[in-house]
Amino acid sequence: MKYKILSISLFTLFIAGCSVISRDIRGDIDRGVTLPMVQANPDAYKGKKVIWGGIIISSKNLADKTVIEALQTPLDISDMATDKEHSQGRFLIESPVYLDTYLYKAGKEITVAGIIKGINIQKIGERDYAYPVLEPLQMRVFELRPEILYEPPPLWRPYQPYNPYYPYHQYYPYPYYYPYYPPR
């Protein structure tokens, strides 16, 4: 019983400490605030701290700030982007310091803990779009993880040549499985 409680508490401690955002920032985060909620009523959520993540669409350096446009995706338990098909929209990250656009280039995954500054209306194509704007407290950028393709195992095992020394080391190289002794 004692070991069971110890293992459960260690597992809980391990899961609680596996975020890409630091612990002191995560303490003040409001996880209930979503991107559509901010788009619908930006004044109600101004100044709230959130953690959002997604995929970088573009980044550009302006005279006084760096602006990163990201496509929001759901986050997993470690606050990393998970499912690209279930996005709720786009958001902007406005950093007052210079960020190298090579490190924050399009296609990388990003996780941002930041303060909601408001809404910025810009065009996507010919449509006006309300971008929620975050001022970053902490950001983490990751290379895009390749999708794992499932390849089913073969229905039968591939042919293995007979090995007379089976559980032991095979003493002869590949073409010479059987020792050949010429007749006397």
N, C-alpha and C. Protein backbone atom coordinates (compact mmCIF):
# COMPACT_ATOMS: atom_id res chain seq x y z
N MET A 1 0.82 -1.19 0.00
CA MET A 1 0.00 0.00 0.00
C MET A 1 0.87 1.25 0.00
N LYS A 2 1.94 1.21 0.80
CA LYS A 2 2.84 2.35 0.89
C LYS A 2 3.49 2.65 -0.45
N TYR A 3 3.88 1.58 -1.16
CA TYR A 3 4.53 1.76 -2.47
C TYR A 3 3.55 2.25 -3.52
N LYS A 4 2.31 1.84 -3.41
CA LYS A 4 1.29 2.28 -4.36
C LYS A 4 1.05 3.78 -4.23
N ILE A 5 0.95 4.27 -3.01
CA ILE A 5 0.75 5.70 -2.79
C ILE A 5 1.97 6.49 -3.27
N LEU A 6 3.16 5.96 -2.99
CA LEU A 6 4.39 6.61 -3.42
C LEU A 6 4.47 6.68 -4.94
N SER A 7 4.13 5.58 -5.63
CA SER A 7 4.20 5.58 -7.09
C SER A 7 3.16 6.52 -7.70
N ILE A 8 1.98 6.58 -7.13
CA ILE A 8 0.95 7.49 -7.65
C ILE A 8 1.38 8.94 -7.45
N SER A 9 1.94 9.25 -6.31
CA SER A 9 2.37 10.64 -6.07
C SER A 9 3.54 11.02 -6.96
N LEU A 10 4.48 10.10 -7.21
CA LEU A 10 5.58 10.39 -8.12
C LEU A 10 5.09 10.57 -9.56
N PHE A 11 4.13 9.75 -9.97
CA PHE A 11 3.56 9.89 -11.31
C PHE A 11 2.85 11.23 -11.47
N THR A 12 2.09 11.64 -10.46
CA THR A 12 1.40 12.93 -10.50
C THR A 12 2.40 14.08 -10.55
N LEU A 13 3.46 13.98 -9.77
CA LEU A 13 4.50 15.00 -9.78
C LEU A 13 5.19 15.06 -11.14
N PHE A 14 5.42 13.91 -11.75
CA PHE A 14 6.05 13.86 -13.07
C PHE A 14 5.16 14.51 -14.12
N ILE A 15 3.88 14.18 -14.12
CA ILE A 15 2.94 14.74 -15.10
C ILE A 15 2.80 16.25 -14.89
N ALA A 16 2.77 16.70 -13.65
CA ALA A 16 2.58 18.12 -13.38
C ALA A 16 3.79 18.95 -13.80
N GLY A 17 4.96 18.36 -13.86
CA GLY A 17 6.16 19.11 -14.18
C GLY A 17 6.61 18.97 -15.61
N CYS A 18 5.77 18.52 -16.51
CA CYS A 18 6.19 18.25 -17.88
C CYS A 18 5.68 19.28 -18.87
N SER A 19 5.73 20.54 -18.55
CA SER A 19 5.27 21.57 -19.47
C SER A 19 6.48 22.28 -20.06
N VAL A 20 6.31 22.83 -21.26
CA VAL A 20 7.39 23.57 -21.90
C VAL A 20 7.44 25.02 -21.40
N ILE A 21 6.44 25.44 -20.63
CA ILE A 21 6.39 26.78 -20.04
C ILE A 21 6.76 26.67 -18.57
N SER A 22 7.52 27.63 -18.07
CA SER A 22 8.02 27.55 -16.70
C SER A 22 6.88 27.59 -15.68
N ARG A 23 7.17 27.04 -14.51
CA ARG A 23 6.16 26.86 -13.47
C ARG A 23 5.64 28.19 -12.93
N ASP A 24 6.50 29.19 -12.74
CA ASP A 24 6.04 30.45 -12.17
C ASP A 24 5.09 31.20 -13.11
N ILE A 25 5.25 31.04 -14.40
CA ILE A 25 4.33 31.66 -15.36
C ILE A 25 3.02 30.88 -15.42
N ARG A 26 3.10 29.55 -15.35
CA ARG A 26 1.89 28.72 -15.42
C ARG A 26 0.95 28.95 -14.25
N GLY A 27 1.45 29.46 -13.12
CA GLY A 27 0.61 29.68 -11.95
C GLY A 27 -0.46 30.73 -12.15
N ASP A 28 -0.22 31.71 -13.02
CA ASP A 28 -1.16 32.82 -13.23
C ASP A 28 -2.01 32.66 -14.49
N ILE A 29 -1.91 31.55 -15.16
CA ILE A 29 -2.58 31.36 -16.45
C ILE A 29 -4.06 31.04 -16.26
N ASP A 30 -4.89 31.62 -17.12
CA ASP A 30 -6.32 31.29 -17.17
C ASP A 30 -6.53 30.36 -18.36
N ARG A 31 -6.64 29.07 -18.10
CA ARG A 31 -6.75 28.07 -19.16
C ARG A 31 -8.13 28.04 -19.82
N GLY A 32 -9.10 28.70 -19.24
CA GLY A 32 -10.44 28.69 -19.80
C GLY A 32 -10.65 29.67 -20.94
N VAL A 33 -9.71 30.56 -21.15
CA VAL A 33 -9.86 31.58 -22.20
C VAL A 33 -9.42 30.99 -23.53
N THR A 34 -10.32 30.98 -24.50
CA THR A 34 -10.02 30.44 -25.83
C THR A 34 -9.98 31.57 -26.85
N LEU A 35 -9.45 31.27 -28.00
CA LEU A 35 -9.32 32.25 -29.07
C LEU A 35 -10.67 32.80 -29.54
N PRO A 36 -11.70 31.96 -29.78
CA PRO A 36 -13.00 32.52 -30.19
C PRO A 36 -13.64 33.41 -29.12
N MET A 37 -13.39 33.12 -27.85
CA MET A 37 -13.94 33.96 -26.78
C MET A 37 -13.33 35.37 -26.84
N VAL A 38 -12.03 35.44 -27.11
CA VAL A 38 -11.36 36.73 -27.19
C VAL A 38 -11.81 37.48 -28.44
N GLN A 39 -12.02 36.77 -29.55
CA GLN A 39 -12.49 37.42 -30.77
C GLN A 39 -13.89 37.98 -30.59
N ALA A 40 -14.73 37.29 -29.82
CA ALA A 40 -16.10 37.74 -29.62
C ALA A 40 -16.18 38.94 -28.67
N ASN A 41 -15.36 38.96 -27.62
CA ASN A 41 -15.44 40.02 -26.63
C ASN A 41 -14.03 40.37 -26.15
N PRO A 42 -13.27 41.15 -26.92
CA PRO A 42 -11.87 41.40 -26.58
C PRO A 42 -11.67 42.23 -25.32
N ASP A 43 -12.57 43.15 -25.02
CA ASP A 43 -12.38 44.01 -23.84
C ASP A 43 -12.52 43.24 -22.53
N ALA A 44 -13.30 42.18 -22.52
CA ALA A 44 -13.49 41.40 -21.30
C ALA A 44 -12.24 40.60 -20.93
N TYR A 45 -11.41 40.29 -21.91
CA TYR A 45 -10.25 39.44 -21.66
C TYR A 45 -8.92 40.19 -21.75
N LYS A 46 -8.96 41.49 -21.91
CA LYS A 46 -7.73 42.27 -22.01
C LYS A 46 -6.98 42.19 -20.69
N GLY A 47 -5.69 41.88 -20.77
CA GLY A 47 -4.86 41.76 -19.58
C GLY A 47 -4.79 40.37 -18.98
N LYS A 48 -5.57 39.41 -19.50
CA LYS A 48 -5.53 38.03 -19.00
C LYS A 48 -4.29 37.32 -19.53
N LYS A 49 -3.77 36.39 -18.75
CA LYS A 49 -2.61 35.60 -19.18
C LYS A 49 -3.10 34.25 -19.69
N VAL A 50 -2.62 33.87 -20.87
CA VAL A 50 -3.04 32.61 -21.50
C VAL A 50 -1.82 31.88 -22.04
N ILE A 51 -2.01 30.59 -22.32
CA ILE A 51 -1.03 29.80 -23.05
C ILE A 51 -1.72 29.30 -24.30
N TRP A 52 -1.22 29.73 -25.44
CA TRP A 52 -1.72 29.27 -26.73
C TRP A 52 -0.57 28.71 -27.52
N GLY A 53 -0.89 27.83 -28.42
CA GLY A 53 0.14 27.24 -29.26
C GLY A 53 -0.38 27.03 -30.66
N GLY A 54 0.54 26.74 -31.56
CA GLY A 54 0.15 26.50 -32.93
C GLY A 54 1.33 26.42 -33.86
N ILE A 55 1.08 26.77 -35.11
CA ILE A 55 2.10 26.71 -36.15
C ILE A 55 2.30 28.12 -36.70
N ILE A 56 3.56 28.51 -36.83
CA ILE A 56 3.87 29.85 -37.32
C ILE A 56 3.53 29.95 -38.80
N ILE A 57 2.76 30.97 -39.17
CA ILE A 57 2.42 31.23 -40.56
C ILE A 57 3.42 32.20 -41.17
N SER A 58 3.72 33.28 -40.45
CA SER A 58 4.69 34.26 -40.94
C SER A 58 5.27 35.02 -39.75
N SER A 59 6.43 35.63 -39.99
CA SER A 59 7.03 36.50 -38.98
C SER A 59 7.72 37.64 -39.70
N LYS A 60 7.62 38.83 -39.12
CA LYS A 60 8.27 39.99 -39.75
C LYS A 60 8.74 40.95 -38.67
N ASN A 61 9.86 41.58 -38.95
CA ASN A 61 10.42 42.58 -38.05
C ASN A 61 10.00 43.96 -38.52
N LEU A 62 9.42 44.73 -37.61
CA LEU A 62 9.05 46.11 -37.89
C LEU A 62 10.05 47.02 -37.16
N ALA A 63 9.86 48.31 -37.25
CA ALA A 63 10.81 49.26 -36.65
C ALA A 63 10.89 49.12 -35.14
N ASP A 64 9.76 48.87 -34.49
CA ASP A 64 9.75 48.85 -33.03
C ASP A 64 9.34 47.51 -32.42
N LYS A 65 9.02 46.50 -33.23
CA LYS A 65 8.57 45.22 -32.69
C LYS A 65 8.71 44.12 -33.74
N THR A 66 8.55 42.89 -33.28
CA THR A 66 8.49 41.73 -34.16
C THR A 66 7.09 41.16 -34.07
N VAL A 67 6.47 40.89 -35.21
CA VAL A 67 5.12 40.36 -35.26
C VAL A 67 5.15 38.96 -35.84
N ILE A 68 4.58 38.01 -35.10
CA ILE A 68 4.50 36.62 -35.55
C ILE A 68 3.03 36.27 -35.69
N GLU A 69 2.65 35.76 -36.86
CA GLU A 69 1.29 35.30 -37.09
C GLU A 69 1.29 33.78 -36.95
N ALA A 70 0.38 33.26 -36.13
CA ALA A 70 0.35 31.82 -35.87
C ALA A 70 -1.06 31.27 -36.03
N LEU A 71 -1.14 30.03 -36.50
CA LEU A 71 -2.40 29.30 -36.59
C LEU A 71 -2.57 28.51 -35.31
N GLN A 72 -3.61 28.79 -34.55
CA GLN A 72 -3.82 28.16 -33.25
C GLN A 72 -4.18 26.69 -33.42
N THR A 73 -3.60 25.84 -32.57
CA THR A 73 -3.96 24.42 -32.51
C THR A 73 -4.14 24.02 -31.06
N PRO A 74 -4.86 22.94 -30.78
CA PRO A 74 -5.00 22.49 -29.40
C PRO A 74 -3.64 22.08 -28.82
N LEU A 75 -3.50 22.17 -27.50
CA LEU A 75 -2.27 21.80 -26.83
C LEU A 75 -2.46 20.49 -26.08
N ASP A 76 -1.37 19.73 -25.97
CA ASP A 76 -1.43 18.50 -25.19
C ASP A 76 -1.07 18.79 -23.74
N ILE A 77 -0.85 17.76 -22.95
CA ILE A 77 -0.60 17.93 -21.52
C ILE A 77 0.71 18.65 -21.24
N SER A 78 1.65 18.60 -22.18
CA SER A 78 2.92 19.29 -21.99
C SER A 78 2.94 20.64 -22.71
N ASP A 79 1.79 21.14 -23.09
CA ASP A 79 1.63 22.44 -23.76
C ASP A 79 2.34 22.52 -25.10
N MET A 80 2.27 21.46 -25.87
CA MET A 80 2.81 21.47 -27.23
C MET A 80 1.65 21.29 -28.21
N ALA A 81 1.79 21.85 -29.40
CA ALA A 81 0.74 21.79 -30.42
C ALA A 81 0.49 20.35 -30.82
N THR A 82 -0.79 19.98 -30.99
CA THR A 82 -1.10 18.59 -31.31
C THR A 82 -1.79 18.40 -32.64
N ASP A 83 -3.01 18.87 -32.78
CA ASP A 83 -3.85 18.50 -33.92
C ASP A 83 -4.07 19.70 -34.83
N LYS A 84 -3.43 19.68 -35.99
CA LYS A 84 -3.50 20.82 -36.90
C LYS A 84 -4.88 21.00 -37.53
N GLU A 85 -5.65 19.94 -37.61
CA GLU A 85 -6.95 20.02 -38.27
C GLU A 85 -8.03 20.66 -37.41
N HIS A 86 -7.79 20.80 -36.11
CA HIS A 86 -8.80 21.35 -35.21
C HIS A 86 -8.41 22.74 -34.72
N SER A 87 -8.05 23.60 -35.62
CA SER A 87 -7.66 24.96 -35.27
C SER A 87 -8.90 25.80 -35.02
N GLN A 88 -8.76 26.78 -34.11
CA GLN A 88 -9.86 27.70 -33.83
C GLN A 88 -9.63 29.06 -34.47
N GLY A 89 -8.51 29.23 -35.17
CA GLY A 89 -8.26 30.50 -35.83
C GLY A 89 -6.79 30.90 -35.77
N ARG A 90 -6.56 32.20 -36.00
CA ARG A 90 -5.21 32.73 -36.01
C ARG A 90 -5.06 33.78 -34.91
N PHE A 91 -3.81 33.97 -34.48
CA PHE A 91 -3.52 35.03 -33.52
C PHE A 91 -2.16 35.63 -33.83
N LEU A 92 -1.92 36.83 -33.28
CA LEU A 92 -0.66 37.53 -33.48
C LEU A 92 0.11 37.58 -32.16
N ILE A 93 1.44 37.51 -32.28
CA ILE A 93 2.33 37.69 -31.15
C ILE A 93 3.16 38.92 -31.46
N GLU A 94 3.04 39.95 -30.62
CA GLU A 94 3.79 41.18 -30.82
C GLU A 94 4.85 41.30 -29.73
N SER A 95 6.10 41.05 -30.11
CA SER A 95 7.20 41.12 -29.17
C SER A 95 7.89 42.48 -29.29
N PRO A 96 8.10 43.19 -28.18
CA PRO A 96 8.75 44.50 -28.26
C PRO A 96 10.25 44.39 -28.54
N VAL A 97 10.82 43.22 -28.40
CA VAL A 97 12.25 43.03 -28.67
C VAL A 97 12.43 42.39 -30.04
N TYR A 98 13.64 42.52 -30.57
CA TYR A 98 13.95 41.94 -31.87
C TYR A 98 14.03 40.43 -31.75
N LEU A 99 13.33 39.72 -32.64
CA LEU A 99 13.40 38.26 -32.74
C LEU A 99 13.86 37.92 -34.15
N ASP A 100 14.80 37.02 -34.26
CA ASP A 100 15.32 36.64 -35.57
C ASP A 100 14.26 35.85 -36.33
N THR A 101 13.90 36.30 -37.50
CA THR A 101 12.85 35.64 -38.27
C THR A 101 13.29 34.29 -38.82
N TYR A 102 14.58 34.02 -38.82
CA TYR A 102 15.03 32.69 -39.24
C TYR A 102 14.67 31.65 -38.17
N LEU A 103 14.77 32.02 -36.90
CA LEU A 103 14.41 31.10 -35.82
C LEU A 103 12.90 30.95 -35.71
N TYR A 104 12.17 32.00 -36.06
CA TYR A 104 10.70 31.98 -35.98
C TYR A 104 10.12 31.96 -37.38
N LYS A 105 10.58 31.02 -38.21
CA LYS A 105 10.13 30.99 -39.59
C LYS A 105 8.86 30.14 -39.75
N ALA A 106 8.23 30.31 -40.87
CA ALA A 106 6.96 29.63 -41.15
C ALA A 106 7.13 28.12 -41.11
N GLY A 107 6.16 27.45 -40.53
CA GLY A 107 6.14 26.00 -40.49
C GLY A 107 6.57 25.41 -39.16
N LYS A 108 7.18 26.20 -38.28
CA LYS A 108 7.60 25.69 -36.97
C LYS A 108 6.44 25.76 -35.99
N GLU A 109 6.47 24.86 -35.01
CA GLU A 109 5.47 24.89 -33.96
C GLU A 109 5.91 25.87 -32.88
N ILE A 110 4.93 26.55 -32.26
CA ILE A 110 5.24 27.53 -31.23
C ILE A 110 4.26 27.39 -30.08
N THR A 111 4.76 27.60 -28.87
CA THR A 111 3.93 27.68 -27.67
C THR A 111 4.25 29.01 -27.01
N VAL A 112 3.21 29.78 -26.69
CA VAL A 112 3.39 31.13 -26.15
C VAL A 112 2.57 31.28 -24.88
N ALA A 113 3.23 31.78 -23.84
CA ALA A 113 2.52 32.25 -22.66
C ALA A 113 2.57 33.76 -22.73
N GLY A 114 1.40 34.39 -22.74
CA GLY A 114 1.40 35.84 -22.93
C GLY A 114 0.17 36.51 -22.37
N ILE A 115 0.20 37.83 -22.46
CA ILE A 115 -0.89 38.68 -21.97
C ILE A 115 -1.68 39.17 -23.17
N ILE A 116 -3.00 39.07 -23.09
CA ILE A 116 -3.86 39.52 -24.19
C ILE A 116 -3.89 41.04 -24.21
N LYS A 117 -3.51 41.62 -25.36
CA LYS A 117 -3.47 43.08 -25.51
C LYS A 117 -4.74 43.62 -26.17
N GLY A 118 -5.43 42.77 -26.92
CA GLY A 118 -6.63 43.24 -27.61
C GLY A 118 -6.78 42.55 -28.95
N ILE A 119 -7.40 43.27 -29.89
CA ILE A 119 -7.69 42.74 -31.22
C ILE A 119 -7.04 43.65 -32.26
N ASN A 120 -6.52 43.02 -33.32
CA ASN A 120 -5.99 43.76 -34.45
C ASN A 120 -6.70 43.24 -35.69
N ILE A 121 -7.38 44.12 -36.42
CA ILE A 121 -8.13 43.69 -37.60
C ILE A 121 -7.26 43.87 -38.84
N GLN A 122 -7.03 42.75 -39.53
CA GLN A 122 -6.24 42.75 -40.76
C GLN A 122 -7.00 41.92 -41.80
N LYS A 123 -6.51 41.96 -43.01
CA LYS A 123 -7.16 41.22 -44.09
C LYS A 123 -6.47 39.87 -44.31
N ILE A 124 -7.28 38.84 -44.53
CA ILE A 124 -6.82 37.55 -45.03
C ILE A 124 -7.48 37.43 -46.40
N GLY A 125 -6.69 37.56 -47.44
CA GLY A 125 -7.27 37.64 -48.78
C GLY A 125 -8.03 38.95 -48.89
N GLU A 126 -9.35 38.87 -49.06
CA GLU A 126 -10.17 40.08 -49.13
C GLU A 126 -11.12 40.19 -47.95
N ARG A 127 -10.95 39.35 -46.96
CA ARG A 127 -11.84 39.34 -45.81
C ARG A 127 -11.15 39.94 -44.60
N ASP A 128 -11.88 40.75 -43.82
CA ASP A 128 -11.35 41.28 -42.57
C ASP A 128 -11.38 40.18 -41.51
N TYR A 129 -10.29 40.08 -40.76
CA TYR A 129 -10.18 39.05 -39.73
C TYR A 129 -9.70 39.70 -38.43
N ALA A 130 -10.33 39.34 -37.33
CA ALA A 130 -9.98 39.89 -36.02
C ALA A 130 -8.92 38.99 -35.37
N TYR A 131 -7.69 39.47 -35.35
CA TYR A 131 -6.59 38.72 -34.74
C TYR A 131 -6.47 39.09 -33.26
N PRO A 132 -6.58 38.14 -32.35
CA PRO A 132 -6.21 38.43 -30.96
C PRO A 132 -4.69 38.64 -30.89
N VAL A 133 -4.26 39.62 -30.11
CA VAL A 133 -2.84 39.97 -30.02
C VAL A 133 -2.32 39.61 -28.63
N LEU A 134 -1.20 38.89 -28.60
CA LEU A 134 -0.55 38.53 -27.34
C LEU A 134 0.77 39.26 -27.21
N GLU A 135 1.07 39.70 -26.00
CA GLU A 135 2.40 40.19 -25.66
C GLU A 135 3.09 39.03 -24.94
N PRO A 136 4.17 38.47 -25.50
CA PRO A 136 4.73 37.23 -24.95
C PRO A 136 5.46 37.44 -23.63
N LEU A 137 5.24 36.49 -22.71
CA LEU A 137 6.02 36.39 -21.49
C LEU A 137 7.12 35.35 -21.68
N GLN A 138 6.76 34.25 -22.33
CA GLN A 138 7.72 33.19 -22.64
C GLN A 138 7.25 32.48 -23.90
N MET A 139 8.21 32.16 -24.79
CA MET A 139 7.89 31.47 -26.03
C MET A 139 8.85 30.30 -26.20
N ARG A 140 8.33 29.23 -26.79
CA ARG A 140 9.15 28.08 -27.15
C ARG A 140 8.82 27.71 -28.58
N VAL A 141 9.85 27.47 -29.39
CA VAL A 141 9.68 27.11 -30.79
C VAL A 141 10.25 25.73 -31.00
N PHE A 142 9.55 24.91 -31.78
CA PHE A 142 9.95 23.53 -32.05
C PHE A 142 9.92 23.28 -33.54
N GLU A 143 10.80 22.40 -33.99
CA GLU A 143 10.74 21.95 -35.38
C GLU A 143 9.46 21.14 -35.54
N LEU A 144 8.89 21.21 -36.72
CA LEU A 144 7.67 20.47 -37.00
C LEU A 144 7.98 18.98 -36.94
N ARG A 145 7.21 18.26 -36.14
CA ARG A 145 7.44 16.82 -36.00
C ARG A 145 6.87 16.09 -37.20
N PRO A 146 7.64 15.15 -37.76
CA PRO A 146 7.11 14.41 -38.90
C PRO A 146 5.97 13.49 -38.46
N GLU A 147 5.01 13.36 -39.35
CA GLU A 147 3.90 12.47 -39.04
C GLU A 147 4.36 11.03 -39.18
N ILE A 148 3.98 10.20 -38.23
CA ILE A 148 4.39 8.81 -38.24
C ILE A 148 3.39 8.03 -39.08
N LEU A 149 3.88 7.44 -40.14
CA LEU A 149 3.02 6.64 -40.99
C LEU A 149 3.03 5.20 -40.48
N TYR A 150 1.87 4.63 -40.35
CA TYR A 150 1.77 3.27 -39.87
C TYR A 150 1.98 2.32 -41.03
N GLU A 151 2.90 1.43 -40.87
CA GLU A 151 3.13 0.41 -41.88
C GLU A 151 2.84 -0.93 -41.23
N PRO A 152 1.80 -1.64 -41.70
CA PRO A 152 1.45 -2.90 -41.05
C PRO A 152 2.55 -3.94 -41.26
N PRO A 153 2.68 -4.84 -40.33
CA PRO A 153 3.69 -5.89 -40.50
C PRO A 153 3.30 -6.82 -41.63
N PRO A 154 4.26 -7.52 -42.23
CA PRO A 154 3.92 -8.44 -43.31
C PRO A 154 3.06 -9.59 -42.79
N LEU A 155 2.28 -10.18 -43.68
CA LEU A 155 1.41 -11.27 -43.27
C LEU A 155 2.19 -12.54 -42.97
N TRP A 156 3.37 -12.67 -43.53
CA TRP A 156 4.21 -13.82 -43.26
C TRP A 156 5.63 -13.33 -43.02
N ARG A 157 6.40 -14.15 -42.36
CA ARG A 157 7.79 -13.78 -42.11
C ARG A 157 8.59 -13.94 -43.38
N PRO A 158 9.55 -13.07 -43.60
CA PRO A 158 10.41 -13.26 -44.77
C PRO A 158 11.24 -14.53 -44.61
N TYR A 159 11.61 -15.09 -45.73
CA TYR A 159 12.35 -16.35 -45.72
C TYR A 159 13.70 -16.17 -45.04
N GLN A 160 13.96 -17.01 -44.07
CA GLN A 160 15.24 -17.03 -43.39
C GLN A 160 15.95 -18.32 -43.77
N PRO A 161 17.16 -18.24 -44.31
CA PRO A 161 17.86 -19.47 -44.66
C PRO A 161 18.15 -20.32 -43.42
N TYR A 162 18.24 -21.58 -43.64
CA TYR A 162 18.51 -22.51 -42.54
C TYR A 162 19.88 -22.22 -41.95
N ASN A 163 19.94 -22.17 -40.65
CA ASN A 163 21.20 -21.95 -39.96
C ASN A 163 21.44 -23.13 -39.02
N PRO A 164 22.41 -23.98 -39.33
CA PRO A 164 22.63 -25.15 -38.49
C PRO A 164 23.16 -24.79 -37.11
N TYR A 165 23.66 -23.58 -36.95
CA TYR A 165 24.22 -23.17 -35.65
C TYR A 165 23.25 -22.25 -34.91
N TYR A 166 21.94 -22.44 -35.11
CA TYR A 166 20.92 -21.45 -34.78
C TYR A 166 21.10 -20.70 -33.46
N PRO A 167 21.03 -21.26 -32.31
CA PRO A 167 21.06 -20.30 -31.21
C PRO A 167 22.43 -19.68 -30.99
N TYR A 168 23.42 -20.22 -31.68
CA TYR A 168 24.77 -19.71 -31.49
C TYR A 168 25.18 -18.83 -32.65
N HIS A 169 26.34 -18.26 -32.55
CA HIS A 169 26.85 -17.37 -33.58
C HIS A 169 26.99 -18.09 -34.92
N GLN A 170 26.66 -17.39 -35.97
CA GLN A 170 26.80 -17.95 -37.30
C GLN A 170 28.26 -17.81 -37.72
N TYR A 171 28.91 -18.94 -37.95
CA TYR A 171 30.35 -18.93 -38.16
C TYR A 171 30.76 -18.62 -39.58
N TYR A 172 29.86 -18.75 -40.54
CA TYR A 172 30.23 -18.56 -41.94
C TYR A 172 29.54 -17.32 -42.49
N PRO A 173 30.23 -16.55 -43.32
CA PRO A 173 29.59 -15.37 -43.91
C PRO A 173 28.45 -15.75 -44.83
N TYR A 174 27.73 -14.75 -45.29
CA TYR A 174 26.45 -14.93 -45.97
C TYR A 174 26.41 -16.01 -47.05
N PRO A 175 27.21 -15.99 -48.11
CA PRO A 175 26.95 -17.00 -49.14
C PRO A 175 27.35 -18.40 -48.71
N TYR A 176 28.08 -18.53 -47.64
CA TYR A 176 28.60 -19.84 -47.24
C TYR A 176 27.95 -20.31 -45.95
N TYR A 177 26.66 -20.54 -46.00
CA TYR A 177 26.00 -21.03 -44.79
C TYR A 177 26.43 -22.46 -44.46
N TYR A 178 26.65 -23.25 -45.48
CA TYR A 178 27.02 -24.65 -45.26
C TYR A 178 28.49 -24.81 -45.61
N PRO A 179 29.25 -25.41 -44.72
CA PRO A 179 30.66 -25.63 -45.08
C PRO A 179 30.75 -26.65 -46.21
N TYR A 180 31.57 -26.37 -47.14
CA TYR A 180 31.72 -27.27 -48.27
C TYR A 180 33.08 -27.97 -48.17
N TYR A 181 33.01 -29.26 -48.07
CA TYR A 181 34.25 -30.05 -48.05
C TYR A 181 34.28 -30.86 -49.34
N PRO A 182 35.34 -30.74 -50.11
CA PRO A 182 35.40 -31.52 -51.36
C PRO A 182 35.52 -33.01 -51.05
N PRO A 183 35.03 -33.85 -51.94
CA PRO A 183 35.12 -35.30 -51.67
C PRO A 183 36.57 -35.76 -51.71
N ARG A 184 36.89 -36.85 -50.99
CA ARG A 184 38.25 -37.38 -50.95
C ARG A 184 38.44 -38.45 -51.96
